[in-house]
Each structure stands twice: as C-alpha cells, then as structure tokens.
Protein backbone atom coordinates (compact mmCIF):
# COMPACT_ATOMS: atom_id res chain seq x y z
CA MET A 1 -40.21 21.29 20.23
CA ARG A 2 -38.71 24.52 21.52
CA HIS A 3 -35.29 22.92 21.59
CA ALA A 4 -35.72 21.59 18.03
CA ARG A 5 -36.60 25.05 16.76
CA ARG A 6 -33.71 26.58 18.59
CA THR A 7 -31.24 24.23 16.89
CA GLU A 8 -32.43 25.45 13.49
CA TRP A 9 -30.83 28.82 14.23
CA MET A 10 -27.34 28.12 15.39
CA ARG A 11 -24.74 30.44 16.78
CA VAL A 12 -21.18 29.43 16.05
CA ARG A 13 -18.26 31.00 17.90
CA PHE A 14 -14.96 31.24 16.09
CA THR A 15 -11.82 33.27 16.76
CA PRO A 16 -12.11 36.75 18.31
CA LYS A 17 -12.22 38.15 14.80
CA TRP A 18 -15.42 36.21 14.28
CA GLN A 19 -17.25 36.91 17.47
CA ILE A 20 -20.62 35.41 16.54
CA LEU A 21 -21.62 33.90 13.24
CA ARG A 22 -25.30 33.15 12.81
CA VAL A 23 -25.66 30.06 10.68
CA ASN A 24 -28.95 30.23 8.79
CA TRP A 25 -30.70 27.59 6.78
CA PRO A 26 -30.50 28.25 3.05
CA THR A 27 -33.75 29.48 1.56
CA TRP A 28 -34.38 26.25 -0.29
CA TRP A 29 -34.60 24.33 2.99
CA GLN A 30 -37.57 26.56 3.86
CA GLU A 31 -39.42 25.87 0.60
CA GLY A 32 -41.16 22.86 2.00
CA ARG A 33 -44.88 22.38 1.81
CA GLN A 34 -46.77 24.85 3.99
CA GLY A 35 -50.03 22.96 4.45
CA GLU A 36 -51.68 22.91 1.02
CA THR A 37 -50.88 26.40 -0.19
CA ALA A 38 -47.76 25.71 -2.23
CA LEU A 39 -48.21 26.48 -5.92
CA PRO A 40 -46.86 24.09 -8.56
CA ARG A 41 -43.63 24.90 -10.27
CA PRO A 42 -44.03 27.36 -13.19
CA ALA A 43 -43.42 24.90 -16.01
CA ARG A 44 -45.73 22.34 -14.49
CA ALA A 45 -48.36 24.99 -13.74
CA VAL A 46 -48.61 25.98 -17.41
CA TRP A 47 -49.32 22.41 -18.43
CA ALA A 48 -51.75 21.93 -15.55
CA TYR A 49 -53.89 24.97 -16.39
CA ALA A 50 -53.72 24.19 -20.11
CA ALA A 51 -54.96 20.67 -19.39
CA VAL A 52 -57.82 22.06 -17.30
CA CYS A 53 -58.87 24.36 -20.15
CA GLY A 54 -58.71 21.44 -22.57
CA MET A 55 -60.85 19.21 -20.35
CA ASP A 56 -63.41 21.97 -19.88
CA ALA A 57 -63.62 22.66 -23.62
CA LEU A 58 -63.89 18.96 -24.41
CA LEU A 59 -66.67 18.43 -21.86
CA THR A 60 -68.60 21.48 -23.10
CA GLY A 61 -68.34 20.28 -26.69
CA LEU A 62 -69.52 16.77 -25.82
CA VAL A 63 -72.54 18.09 -23.95
CA PHE A 64 -73.42 20.27 -26.94
CA LEU A 65 -73.10 17.33 -29.32
CA LEU A 66 -75.22 15.03 -27.15
CA ASP A 67 -78.03 17.45 -26.29
CA PHE A 68 -77.91 20.31 -23.85
CA HIS A 69 -81.67 20.53 -23.21
CA TYR A 70 -81.77 17.97 -20.36
CA ASP A 71 -81.69 18.74 -16.65
CA ARG A 72 -79.13 21.44 -15.82
CA VAL A 73 -78.31 19.75 -12.48
CA ASN A 74 -76.87 16.77 -14.37
CA ILE A 75 -74.86 19.11 -16.58
CA ALA A 76 -73.44 20.83 -13.48
CA MET A 77 -72.43 17.43 -12.06
CA LEU A 78 -70.49 16.70 -15.26
CA TYR A 79 -68.36 19.77 -14.63
CA LEU A 80 -67.12 18.16 -11.40
CA ILE A 81 -65.19 15.62 -13.50
CA PRO A 82 -62.43 18.08 -14.55
CA VAL A 83 -62.27 19.27 -10.93
CA VAL A 84 -61.59 15.76 -9.62
CA VAL A 85 -59.13 14.93 -12.41
CA ALA A 86 -57.20 18.20 -12.09
CA SER A 87 -56.99 17.98 -8.29
CA GLY A 88 -55.91 14.35 -8.33
CA VAL A 89 -53.28 14.81 -11.03
CA TYR A 90 -52.01 18.38 -10.66
CA GLY A 91 -52.95 19.48 -7.16
CA LEU A 92 -55.26 21.86 -5.34
CA TRP A 93 -54.93 25.07 -7.33
CA PRO A 94 -55.53 23.52 -10.75
CA GLY A 95 -58.61 21.90 -9.18
CA VAL A 96 -59.87 25.28 -7.91
CA PHE A 97 -59.24 26.74 -11.35
CA ALA A 98 -61.22 23.87 -12.90
CA ALA A 99 -64.11 24.59 -10.51
CA CYS A 100 -64.19 28.30 -11.41
CA LEU A 101 -63.80 27.61 -15.13
CA GLY A 102 -66.54 24.97 -15.00
CA LEU A 103 -68.87 27.39 -13.25
CA MET A 104 -68.23 30.04 -15.89
CA SER A 105 -68.75 27.56 -18.74
CA PHE A 106 -71.94 26.22 -17.17
CA ASP A 107 -73.32 29.75 -16.75
CA PHE A 108 -72.30 30.90 -20.23
CA PHE A 109 -73.42 27.90 -22.27
CA PHE A 110 -76.29 26.29 -20.36
CA VAL A 111 -78.00 28.85 -18.06
CA PRO A 112 -80.57 31.10 -19.79
CA PRO A 113 -79.94 33.40 -21.36
CA ILE A 114 -77.22 31.28 -23.01
CA PHE A 115 -74.03 32.79 -24.42
CA SER A 116 -74.28 35.43 -21.76
CA TYR A 117 -73.30 35.81 -18.14
CA ALA A 118 -76.57 37.57 -17.33
CA VAL A 119 -78.71 35.71 -14.79
CA SER A 120 -82.47 35.69 -15.40
CA ASP A 121 -83.34 34.00 -12.12
CA LEU A 122 -81.68 34.93 -8.82
CA ARG A 123 -82.08 31.34 -7.65
CA PHE A 124 -79.27 30.43 -10.03
CA LEU A 125 -76.89 32.46 -7.89
CA VAL A 126 -77.53 30.11 -4.98
CA SER A 127 -76.95 27.15 -7.30
CA PHE A 128 -73.71 28.70 -8.49
CA ALA A 129 -72.54 29.19 -4.89
CA VAL A 130 -73.42 25.62 -3.95
CA PHE A 131 -71.67 24.29 -7.07
CA LEU A 132 -68.56 26.31 -6.33
CA VAL A 133 -68.43 25.14 -2.69
CA VAL A 134 -68.92 21.51 -3.70
CA ALA A 135 -66.37 21.77 -6.49
CA ILE A 136 -63.70 23.41 -4.31
CA THR A 137 -64.34 20.91 -1.50
CA THR A 138 -64.03 18.07 -4.00
CA ALA A 139 -60.80 19.61 -5.30
CA GLY A 140 -59.41 19.82 -1.79
CA LEU A 141 -60.28 16.21 -0.99
CA ALA A 142 -58.89 14.91 -4.28
CA SER A 143 -55.73 16.97 -3.87
CA SER A 144 -55.31 15.73 -0.31
CA MET A 145 -55.69 12.12 -1.42
CA ARG A 146 -53.15 12.70 -4.19
CA ARG A 147 -50.72 14.32 -1.81
CA ARG A 148 -51.06 11.55 0.76
CA ALA A 149 -50.52 8.92 -1.93
CA GLU A 150 -47.39 10.70 -3.10
CA GLU A 151 -46.15 11.05 0.47
CA ALA A 152 -46.74 7.36 1.08
CA SER A 153 -44.91 6.49 -2.14
CA GLN A 154 -42.07 8.82 -1.24
CA ARG A 155 -41.74 7.44 2.28
CA ALA A 156 -41.71 3.93 0.84
CA ARG A 157 -38.94 5.03 -1.50
CA ILE A 158 -37.02 6.51 1.43
CA ALA A 159 -37.42 3.29 3.42
CA GLN A 160 -36.24 1.22 0.45
CA THR A 161 -33.26 3.52 -0.04
CA LEU A 162 -32.27 3.28 3.63
CA PHE A 163 -32.66 -0.50 3.50
CA ARG A 164 -30.50 -0.80 0.39
CA MET A 165 -27.98 1.58 1.89
CA SER A 166 -27.84 -0.36 5.16
CA ARG A 167 -27.34 -3.65 3.33
CA ALA A 168 -24.64 -2.20 1.05
CA LEU A 169 -22.80 -0.57 3.95
CA THR A 170 -22.89 -3.81 5.90
CA ALA A 171 -21.11 -5.52 3.02
CA ALA A 172 -18.62 -2.68 2.51
CA MET A 173 -15.13 -3.70 3.56
CA ASP A 174 -13.28 -0.40 3.30
CA GLU A 175 -13.77 3.32 3.75
CA ALA A 176 -13.80 4.10 0.03
CA ARG A 177 -16.70 1.70 -0.60
CA VAL A 178 -18.69 3.16 2.29
CA VAL A 179 -18.26 6.70 0.95
CA GLN A 180 -19.18 5.72 -2.60
CA THR A 181 -22.31 3.85 -1.48
CA ALA A 182 -23.48 6.73 0.71
CA LEU A 183 -22.97 9.37 -1.98
CA GLU A 184 -24.73 7.28 -4.61
CA GLN A 185 -27.77 6.77 -2.37
CA VAL A 186 -28.00 10.48 -1.50
CA ARG A 187 -27.72 11.47 -5.14
CA ASP A 188 -30.32 8.93 -6.27
CA LEU A 189 -32.80 9.85 -3.53
CA LEU A 190 -32.49 13.64 -3.43
CA ASN A 191 -31.27 14.20 -7.00
CA THR A 192 -28.56 16.56 -5.83
CA HIS A 193 -24.82 16.88 -5.52
CA ALA A 194 -23.43 15.43 -2.32
CA TYR A 195 -19.99 15.26 -0.76
CA ILE A 196 -18.48 13.64 2.30
CA ALA A 197 -15.73 15.26 4.36
CA LEU A 198 -13.89 12.56 6.33
CA LYS A 199 -12.28 13.80 9.51
CA ARG A 200 -8.51 13.45 9.66
CA PRO A 201 -6.00 14.22 12.43
CA HIS A 202 -4.94 17.42 10.66
CA GLY A 203 -8.08 18.47 8.78
CA TYR A 204 -10.42 16.55 6.54
CA ASP A 205 -10.48 14.61 3.29
CA LEU A 206 -13.20 15.70 0.84
CA ARG A 207 -14.73 12.90 -1.24
CA ALA A 208 -17.09 13.15 -4.23
CA LEU A 209 -18.55 10.87 -6.86
CA GLN A 210 -16.89 10.73 -10.24
CA GLY A 211 -18.20 13.59 -12.34
CA ASP A 212 -19.04 15.85 -9.41
CA GLU A 213 -17.00 18.92 -8.64
CA ALA A 214 -13.99 17.77 -6.68
CA ASP A 215 -13.79 20.93 -4.56
CA PRO A 216 -17.21 22.59 -4.19
CA VAL A 217 -17.65 26.13 -2.94
CA ILE A 218 -18.29 25.37 0.71
CA ASP A 219 -17.76 27.36 3.86
CA ARG A 220 -14.65 25.91 5.47
CA GLN A 221 -15.30 27.53 8.83
CA VAL A 222 -18.77 26.03 9.12
CA LEU A 223 -17.44 22.62 8.07
CA ASP A 224 -14.68 22.82 10.68
CA TRP A 225 -17.28 23.77 13.28
CA VAL A 226 -19.46 20.79 12.36
CA LEU A 227 -16.49 18.40 12.54
CA ARG A 228 -15.47 19.76 15.94
CA HIS A 229 -18.92 19.92 17.57
CA GLY A 230 -20.75 17.14 15.74
CA ASP A 231 -23.89 19.22 15.11
CA LEU A 232 -25.58 20.11 11.83
CA ALA A 233 -25.43 23.53 10.20
CA SER A 234 -25.80 25.30 6.89
CA PHE A 235 -24.41 28.46 5.44
CA GLY A 236 -24.44 30.24 2.12
CA SER A 237 -27.03 31.42 -0.36
CA LYS A 238 -27.13 31.38 -4.12
CA SER A 239 -28.07 35.04 -4.10
CA HIS A 240 -24.69 35.80 -2.53
CA GLY A 241 -22.74 33.94 -5.16
CA GLN A 242 -22.14 30.91 -2.95
CA ALA A 243 -23.78 27.53 -3.29
CA ALA A 244 -26.19 26.51 -0.56
CA PHE A 245 -25.17 23.40 1.37
CA LEU A 246 -26.41 21.54 4.38
CA TYR A 247 -23.76 20.09 6.68
CA VAL A 248 -24.87 16.92 8.49
CA PRO A 249 -22.37 15.34 10.91
CA ILE A 250 -21.48 11.68 10.55
CA ARG A 251 -21.18 10.54 14.13
CA ALA A 252 -21.59 7.41 16.20
CA GLN A 253 -21.95 7.96 19.91
CA ASP A 254 -19.30 10.55 20.79
CA GLU A 255 -17.07 9.96 17.77
CA VAL A 256 -17.36 12.28 14.73
CA TYR A 257 -16.12 10.60 11.55
CA GLY A 258 -16.98 13.35 9.09
CA ALA A 259 -19.89 15.25 7.57
CA PHE A 260 -22.32 15.07 4.68
CA ILE A 261 -22.29 18.19 2.48
CA VAL A 262 -25.54 18.18 0.52
CA GLY A 263 -26.71 20.63 -2.13
CA GLU A 264 -30.23 21.70 -3.05
CA PRO A 265 -32.42 18.63 -3.65
CA GLY A 266 -34.38 18.33 -6.86
CA GLN A 267 -37.64 16.48 -7.55
CA PHE A 268 -38.30 16.15 -3.83
CA ARG A 269 -41.04 18.72 -3.31
CA LEU A 270 -43.17 17.04 -0.69
CA ALA A 271 -40.54 16.81 2.02
CA THR A 272 -40.23 19.67 4.43
CA ARG A 273 -36.95 20.95 5.77
CA GLY A 274 -37.17 18.82 8.89
CA GLU A 275 -38.00 15.67 6.92
CA ILE A 276 -35.01 16.09 4.63
CA VAL A 277 -32.75 16.69 7.62
CA ASP A 278 -34.14 13.55 9.28
CA ILE A 279 -33.42 11.54 6.13
CA LEU A 280 -29.86 12.81 5.96
CA ARG A 281 -29.35 12.18 9.66
CA ALA A 282 -30.52 8.59 9.22
CA MET A 283 -28.12 8.15 6.31
CA ALA A 284 -25.31 9.75 8.28
CA SER A 285 -25.98 7.35 11.17
CA LEU A 286 -25.71 4.36 8.83
CA VAL A 287 -22.44 5.69 7.43
CA ALA A 288 -21.10 6.35 10.93
CA ILE A 289 -21.94 2.80 12.01
CA ALA A 290 -20.18 1.41 8.93
CA LEU A 291 -17.10 3.58 9.47
CA SER A 292 -17.04 2.64 13.15
CA ARG A 293 -17.20 -1.03 12.22
CA ILE A 294 -14.39 -0.67 9.70
CA ALA A 295 -12.29 1.25 12.23
CA SER A 296 -12.87 -1.49 14.82
CA GLU A 297 -11.95 -4.17 12.28
CA GLU A 298 -8.82 -2.23 11.36
CA ARG A 299 -7.82 -1.93 15.01
CA ALA A 300 -8.40 -5.64 15.48
CA ARG A 301 -6.38 -6.39 12.34
CA LEU A 302 -3.51 -4.21 13.53
CA ALA A 303 -3.65 -5.90 16.92
CA ASP A 304 -3.47 -9.30 15.21
CA ILE A 305 -0.57 -8.10 13.08
CA ALA A 306 1.21 -6.81 16.15
CA ALA A 307 0.67 -10.10 17.95
CA GLU A 308 1.81 -12.07 14.91
CA SER A 309 4.82 -9.79 14.51
CA GLU A 310 5.74 -10.36 18.13
CA ARG A 311 5.36 -14.10 17.68
CA ILE A 312 7.51 -14.04 14.53
CA ARG A 313 10.08 -11.81 16.22
CA THR A 314 10.35 -14.24 19.11
CA ALA A 315 10.62 -17.19 16.74
CA ILE A 316 13.27 -15.40 14.68
CA LEU A 317 15.34 -14.52 17.71
CA ASN A 318 15.10 -18.09 18.99
CA SER A 319 16.00 -19.50 15.57
CA ILE A 320 18.89 -17.12 14.99
CA SER A 321 20.23 -17.61 18.49
CA HIS A 322 20.08 -21.37 17.97
CA GLU A 323 21.71 -21.09 14.56
CA LEU A 324 24.52 -19.00 16.02
CA ARG A 325 24.91 -20.89 19.27
CA THR A 326 25.40 -24.29 17.62
CA PRO A 327 28.42 -23.40 15.42
CA ILE A 328 29.88 -21.14 18.10
CA THR A 329 29.72 -23.97 20.64
CA THR A 330 31.32 -26.32 18.13
CA MET A 331 34.04 -23.80 17.31
CA LEU A 332 34.78 -23.17 20.99
CA GLY A 333 35.04 -26.89 21.66
CA ALA A 334 37.39 -27.45 18.73
CA ALA A 335 39.51 -24.42 19.61
CA GLU A 336 39.85 -25.50 23.25
CA ALA A 337 40.87 -28.98 22.15
CA LEU A 338 43.53 -27.55 19.87
CA LEU A 339 44.80 -25.21 22.58
CA ASP A 340 44.88 -27.84 25.33
CA PRO A 341 48.58 -28.52 25.97
CA GLY A 342 47.81 -31.82 27.62
CA ALA A 343 45.83 -33.19 24.72
CA SER A 344 47.67 -35.76 22.63
CA LEU A 345 46.33 -35.21 19.14
CA ASP A 346 47.66 -36.92 16.09
CA PRO A 347 47.64 -35.09 12.73
CA ALA A 348 44.35 -36.71 11.67
CA ASP A 349 42.60 -35.50 14.83
CA ARG A 350 44.00 -32.02 14.40
CA ARG A 351 42.81 -31.94 10.78
CA GLU A 352 39.35 -33.08 11.88
CA LEU A 353 39.16 -30.28 14.45
CA VAL A 354 40.34 -27.71 11.92
CA LEU A 355 37.69 -28.89 9.44
CA THR A 356 35.11 -28.61 12.21
CA LEU A 357 36.18 -25.02 12.81
CA ARG A 358 36.02 -24.29 9.09
CA ASN A 359 32.57 -25.85 8.59
CA SER A 360 31.16 -24.03 11.61
CA ALA A 361 32.59 -20.76 10.33
CA LEU A 362 31.06 -21.41 6.89
CA ARG A 363 27.70 -22.11 8.51
CA MET A 364 27.88 -18.86 10.43
CA ASN A 365 28.95 -17.05 7.29
CA ARG A 366 25.91 -18.34 5.39
CA LEU A 367 23.61 -17.24 8.20
CA VAL A 368 25.15 -13.78 8.42
CA THR A 369 25.12 -13.45 4.63
CA ASN A 370 21.41 -14.27 4.54
CA LEU A 371 20.64 -11.82 7.32
CA ILE A 372 22.62 -9.04 5.65
CA GLY A 373 21.06 -9.85 2.29
CA MET A 374 17.54 -9.67 3.68
CA ALA A 375 18.34 -6.40 5.44
CA ARG A 376 19.57 -4.95 2.14
CA ILE A 377 16.46 -6.14 0.35
CA GLU A 378 14.12 -4.77 3.01
CA GLY A 379 15.97 -1.47 3.09
CA GLY A 380 15.87 -1.06 -0.68
CA MET A 381 19.67 -1.09 -0.82
CA LEU A 382 19.99 -4.08 -3.14
CA VAL A 383 22.24 -2.78 -5.93
CA LEU A 384 23.04 -5.15 -8.79
CA ASN A 385 26.50 -5.23 -10.31
CA ARG A 386 25.44 -6.85 -13.58
CA ARG A 387 27.87 -8.27 -16.05
CA PRO A 388 27.81 -11.13 -18.58
CA THR A 389 28.20 -14.31 -16.55
CA ASP A 390 28.39 -17.95 -17.54
CA LEU A 391 25.64 -19.60 -15.50
CA ALA A 392 27.54 -22.90 -15.47
CA ASP A 393 30.42 -21.15 -13.70
CA VAL A 394 27.95 -19.82 -11.11
CA ILE A 395 26.73 -23.36 -10.45
CA ARG A 396 30.29 -24.67 -10.06
CA SER A 397 31.17 -21.90 -7.59
CA ALA A 398 28.02 -22.57 -5.58
CA LEU A 399 28.78 -26.31 -5.46
CA HIS A 400 32.26 -25.58 -4.17
CA GLU A 401 30.84 -23.38 -1.41
CA VAL A 402 28.39 -26.03 -0.19
CA ALA A 403 30.72 -28.99 -0.72
CA GLU A 404 30.78 -29.91 2.97
CA LEU A 405 27.00 -29.50 3.32
CA THR A 406 26.29 -31.73 0.30
CA ALA A 407 28.86 -34.39 1.15
CA ASP A 408 26.07 -36.91 1.86
CA HIS A 409 23.91 -35.69 -1.06
CA PRO A 410 25.45 -36.29 -4.49
CA VAL A 411 24.70 -33.42 -6.86
CA ARG A 412 24.06 -34.33 -10.50
CA VAL A 413 24.56 -31.38 -12.85
CA ARG A 414 23.26 -31.25 -16.42
CA ALA A 415 24.26 -28.22 -18.49
CA PRO A 416 24.43 -27.57 -22.23
CA HIS A 417 27.63 -26.75 -24.05
CA PRO A 418 28.05 -23.91 -24.58
CA SER A 419 26.16 -22.83 -21.47
CA PRO A 420 23.92 -19.74 -21.50
CA ILE A 421 25.25 -16.30 -20.61
CA ALA A 422 23.14 -13.95 -18.47
CA GLU A 423 23.55 -10.36 -17.28
CA VAL A 424 23.56 -11.01 -13.53
CA ASP A 425 25.26 -9.96 -10.34
CA GLU A 426 27.48 -13.02 -9.97
CA THR A 427 27.83 -12.80 -6.18
CA LEU A 428 24.12 -12.39 -5.50
CA PHE A 429 23.02 -15.00 -8.01
CA GLN A 430 25.56 -17.45 -6.64
CA GLN A 431 24.12 -16.86 -3.17
CA ALA A 432 20.66 -17.70 -4.53
CA VAL A 433 21.96 -20.99 -5.98
CA VAL A 434 23.76 -21.74 -2.71
CA ASN A 435 20.50 -21.26 -0.80
CA LEU A 436 18.66 -23.64 -3.14
CA LEU A 437 21.38 -26.30 -2.82
CA SER A 438 21.51 -25.88 0.98
CA ASN A 439 17.73 -26.16 1.13
CA ALA A 440 17.82 -29.37 -0.94
CA ALA A 441 20.48 -30.96 1.25
CA LYS A 442 18.88 -29.85 4.51
CA TYR A 443 15.46 -31.38 3.80
CA SER A 444 16.61 -34.61 2.11
CA PRO A 445 17.60 -37.88 3.79
CA PRO A 446 21.28 -38.90 3.68
CA GLY A 447 22.23 -40.33 0.33
CA ALA A 448 19.37 -38.65 -1.55
CA PRO A 449 20.67 -36.94 -4.70
CA THR A 450 20.09 -33.38 -5.89
CA ASP A 451 19.60 -32.67 -9.59
CA VAL A 452 20.71 -29.33 -11.06
CA THR A 453 19.61 -28.78 -14.65
CA LEU A 454 20.63 -25.77 -16.73
CA ALA A 455 18.99 -25.25 -20.11
CA SER A 456 18.71 -22.56 -22.76
CA CYS A 457 15.80 -21.80 -25.06
CA GLY A 458 16.29 -18.83 -27.35
CA THR A 459 16.70 -15.74 -25.21
CA GLU A 460 15.76 -17.47 -21.97
CA ALA A 461 17.72 -19.66 -19.60
CA THR A 462 16.16 -22.04 -17.10
CA LEU A 463 17.72 -23.42 -13.96
CA GLU A 464 16.09 -26.27 -12.07
CA VAL A 465 17.13 -27.53 -8.63
CA ARG A 466 15.29 -30.69 -7.69
CA ASP A 467 15.66 -32.70 -4.48
CA TYR A 468 14.23 -36.05 -3.39
CA GLY A 469 13.43 -35.08 0.17
CA ILE A 470 10.31 -34.73 2.28
CA GLY A 471 8.66 -32.29 -0.16
CA ILE A 472 6.00 -29.70 0.62
CA SER A 473 2.24 -29.88 0.93
CA ASP A 474 -0.19 -28.17 -1.46
CA ASP A 475 -1.23 -25.56 1.08
CA GLU A 476 2.42 -24.55 1.63
CA ILE A 477 3.33 -23.91 -2.01
CA ASP A 478 2.18 -20.29 -1.88
CA ARG A 479 4.05 -19.63 1.37
CA VAL A 480 7.47 -21.20 0.90
CA PHE A 481 8.90 -17.88 -0.33
CA ASP A 482 7.53 -15.86 2.60
CA LYS A 483 10.08 -14.42 4.98
CA PHE A 484 10.67 -16.50 8.10
CA TYR A 485 8.09 -19.10 7.07
CA ARG A 486 8.94 -22.64 8.08
CA SER A 487 6.72 -25.68 7.83
CA GLN A 488 5.57 -27.25 11.07
CA ARG A 489 6.97 -30.55 9.81
CA VAL A 490 10.57 -29.27 9.75
CA ASN A 491 10.73 -27.34 13.01
CA LYS A 492 13.36 -29.74 14.32
CA ILE A 493 15.68 -28.97 11.39
CA PRO A 494 17.82 -25.85 11.95
CA GLY A 495 16.91 -22.86 9.79
CA THR A 496 15.68 -19.27 9.78
CA GLY A 497 13.18 -19.28 6.92
CA LEU A 498 15.16 -16.63 5.03
CA GLY A 499 16.86 -18.68 2.32
CA LEU A 500 14.01 -19.03 -0.18
CA ALA A 501 12.79 -15.48 0.45
CA ILE A 502 16.24 -14.21 -0.55
CA VAL A 503 16.25 -16.47 -3.62
CA ARG A 504 12.99 -15.00 -4.87
CA ALA A 505 14.09 -11.42 -4.16
CA VAL A 506 17.37 -11.92 -6.05
CA VAL A 507 15.71 -13.61 -9.03
CA GLU A 508 13.01 -10.96 -9.32
CA ALA A 509 15.60 -8.19 -8.96
CA HIS A 510 17.24 -9.66 -12.08
CA GLY A 511 13.92 -9.56 -13.92
CA GLY A 512 13.48 -13.32 -13.64
CA HIS A 513 10.80 -15.59 -12.29
CA ILE A 514 10.92 -18.50 -9.84
CA GLU A 515 8.35 -21.25 -9.33
CA VAL A 516 8.08 -24.20 -7.00
CA GLU A 517 6.70 -27.56 -8.06
CA ARG A 518 5.67 -30.43 -5.87
CA MET A 519 7.32 -33.66 -7.02
CA ASN A 520 6.90 -37.27 -5.97
CA PRO A 521 9.14 -37.43 -4.08
CA GLY A 522 10.75 -34.11 -3.32
CA THR A 523 10.49 -30.58 -4.61
CA ALA A 524 11.68 -28.73 -7.72
CA PHE A 525 12.47 -25.02 -8.04
CA HIS A 526 12.45 -23.50 -11.54
CA ILE A 527 14.23 -20.21 -12.32
CA ARG A 528 13.77 -18.41 -15.64
CA LEU A 529 16.13 -15.62 -16.70
CA ALA A 530 16.78 -13.60 -19.82
CA ALA A 531 20.02 -14.93 -21.35
CA ARG A 532 21.92 -15.48 -24.57
CA PRO A 533 23.93 -18.46 -25.81
CA ALA A 534 27.63 -18.58 -25.07
CA PRO A 535 30.05 -17.39 -27.80
CA LYS A 536 31.00 -19.99 -30.39
CA GLU A 537 34.62 -19.79 -29.26
CA ALA A 538 33.52 -21.56 -26.07
CA GLU A 539 33.01 -24.73 -28.04
CA ASN A 540 36.77 -24.98 -28.65
CA ARG A 541 37.81 -24.45 -25.06
C-alpha cells in the first residue's frame, strides 16, 4: 500500500536544466467518490431536488384529498416514500433533502396546530427526531443499494469491454488495427479522447481516431520519460492552459511498445482514480500482448522470407551456372575441335561445329539479355524508346532469332493484312515475343507446332502464342509470371524462370495486358496492346 501511494507522486529526472520535475495527477483523477459524500453534478442536482419537491407536494395533496384526520403515524410513514425514491434514483443527498422536506411538510400540514410550525406537545419533538433518523437511515441504505447496483453494472460493462477488446485484438493482424481497436474501446468506455504513442527507434508515432485532434497538447518530456522507463505518469492542468492527460505505458514484460494518452473521462463518476488507472493498465496490457504477437509474427515472416530468399538465391545460382556451363562447354569442345591440327574435318563437319558455336553463343546471349533485362526492370531503369512499329515485323524478327530453337517446332503465323501498328519499343517487345516462342518450344515435344495469331479490333491489337506442350496446372496459373518460378514438373528442362516475368514487365510497361490460358493440350498466352490499323498504302506493297 505504501509503495502504491508512493508511485502516485512520481519524481522524474531530466537534463541538468530540469533537476527534478514532480509529476502530479491532474485534479480530475482525484475527483473520485470519497465514501458517500460526493454531491451530484450541478445540472443533475437541480433536477433531483426539483423532483423531490414535486413528490413531496404530490404526496401532501393526495393525503389532503383522501382525508388527513387518520392516524398521524401512518401519514409520517407515507413521507418515507419520497425518501426511498429520491435516494434510490438520485443518491444520498437528495434523499436527505426529501427526509427534511417531508418532516417540515408533516409538521406544517398535519401536526396541530396545522399550517404552523409551532409544536403544542413536546412529545412531537421526539417523534420528529425519530422520523428524521429513520428517514436519513433509509436514504443512506437506499443510496448505498443504488450505488452498489451501479458499480456492479459498471464493472460488468468494464468486463464486457475488456472481453470484446481481447477478442478483437486477438483477431487483429496488423499494428494499425490494434491501435484503432484500443482507441475505440477506450473512447466508448470512458467517453474521452484517447491517443496512442507507438515507440519508434528515433522517437514515437502518435495515433488518434478519425475526428480527434491529430496532435494534442501533451507534455513531450513526460511522454518520453514514460516510454523510456515504462511507468505511468500524468502532467498538466486545465487551469494552466494545458489539457490534463494520463500516460499509461503499453508494455509486455520488459519491452515498452508505447503509451496510452487519455484525457478526462466523462460519464464515469463511480470509478476512483485507482480504478480508472487499473482499467487503463488492463487495456494497455492487452494492447501490448497484441503488439508483441504481431512483432513476433513479423519476425517469423521475415525469417521465412530470408530463408526463402536464400533458397531462391541458391536455386538461381545453380540454374544460371548450369545455363552458362552447358553452352560454354559446348563452345569449348567445338573450338578445340576446330583448332586441333591433327583433326581431319571435312567442310560439313566444320560447318556443323561452327553452327554449334553460333547456337551456343545465341543461347548465352538470350540468358544474358534476360538477366540484364530483369536487372533493368528491378532497378527502375527500363526506358522505352517508343515508335510506330508493325507488329508483324516484330514477329518475323523474333522468329528469325529463334530459328534454331524452333527447328523441331513448326511455327504457324496468322496475321491480318494490313497488320496493326503499335507505339512500342521494338527491341524490348521483340525480346518479349522471343521469350514466348522459346518458352513454347522448350516445353513442347519434338514436332509439336506453335501457333502465333495477330489480330486487330478497333484501337486494340491482340497477340496470341499457343503451344501444344505439357501445359500448366490450375494452381500454377497465378504464379507463371513470378520471377524465378519454375514448375516442379519441368525441373529437368534448362531454364531460369525469368522469361515470362520479363514478358509481363515489358507488356505492362507498354500499357498492355497479358493473360495465360490453360488449353487442352498446351498453353496460350494472350497480349493486348493499344494499336491502330496499318496505313492503306500497305495494302499495295
């Protein structure tokens, strides 16, 4: 108990300029109920005393109308009714007022001589004293029952609020939702403005509900002290032109996540200072647990991302090294055969070796081009050199580049005449078409054709590349454009998983859209671009 009282008066040490700062509770935290002596609020008191006067006048009138000549003891008992009603509804002091007013009315209207406060028999004084004692005792008991009922109702409301808050915080998946839930519950329970200062590496981040003042007048030094030491404090008084706030730390074990900043509560008269602090501490504990959980989940997520990144990095290095090693080995073998002075090679063999060197170099060039292209995309250095381009010419150039790769996969091209014209970067868009054609040839069996269809509809051009290969599963459709993604079914086929990612990046950079469709058999990729028909002169070419 002594320690609890000592924490209510806190000494905070700051810089030498601020040797000792005594942090006091604002006056409103000390306006809790002091036993049963707290008077009602002024506005409510007026209505309470007016209601007592009305009940007394009504009772006196009814007794007069019925007949006031029966036993005076029964009449005195009737005047206990306003006492019980006033005490139960309005509190102790209206009940005491009802007792005094009832005694005066009983003496004036029903004790001889009537319509006078003169007492003809001294024994009535004893009766008056007994009546007053009974009435005040009744008022006290009724007021106590009322107060206990209100306290029970209020504690039930607090328990329900904490339960709802705990359930909502358990379901909260991010910091913003935790803060919003906590502030809403504090505002609804205490009917006051509330803020949360979240601790950051270089200060704090002040949060408020929509409609509340974004930057309240708070004492920054006290808030910094609370965030550093993890103990509650308050500072400021309305009489000094500064709003009164209570600072409750949000902490779990030894970790301080922030602080509640709570203003003067309204419509919460029954709770004392300590009870309100306990409520806020309980709420702060729930918030701290939620923030700790989210922080742990975030650390686990980052750890998973790091592990996945390491796995992908290893897979990429292995894939790229394999992709480079294979053509390099082939090129070295062909070059050594050509340079061997003892080798007897006829012209056909020499041509075959030269073609092998060329194809291996083209394969390496495609790999390096994809790597450089992805690096440019990731670095935000993808600059488009747009100009009007005949899309049919782009397809022809791409087919020429992959002629060796598609030797066993006949490509069937369908294009309108005149073909559509689009504002594209010819080099980049050609690379996208090359990647689609390479992808079709790579994942199709020998002899399977590839269909390339170019069409124009108004101001839009569509390009479809369809293969008759192994296809993709439904659960892979949303991932085929991810960087470095490769299906488990094609791990034995060389590749880096960059081709389709580059295709999507290039198409979207041109303002277009690409979709993938599962066919039976095979796969179809659809590209849509803004375009215009070719000039009429093209028809005569």
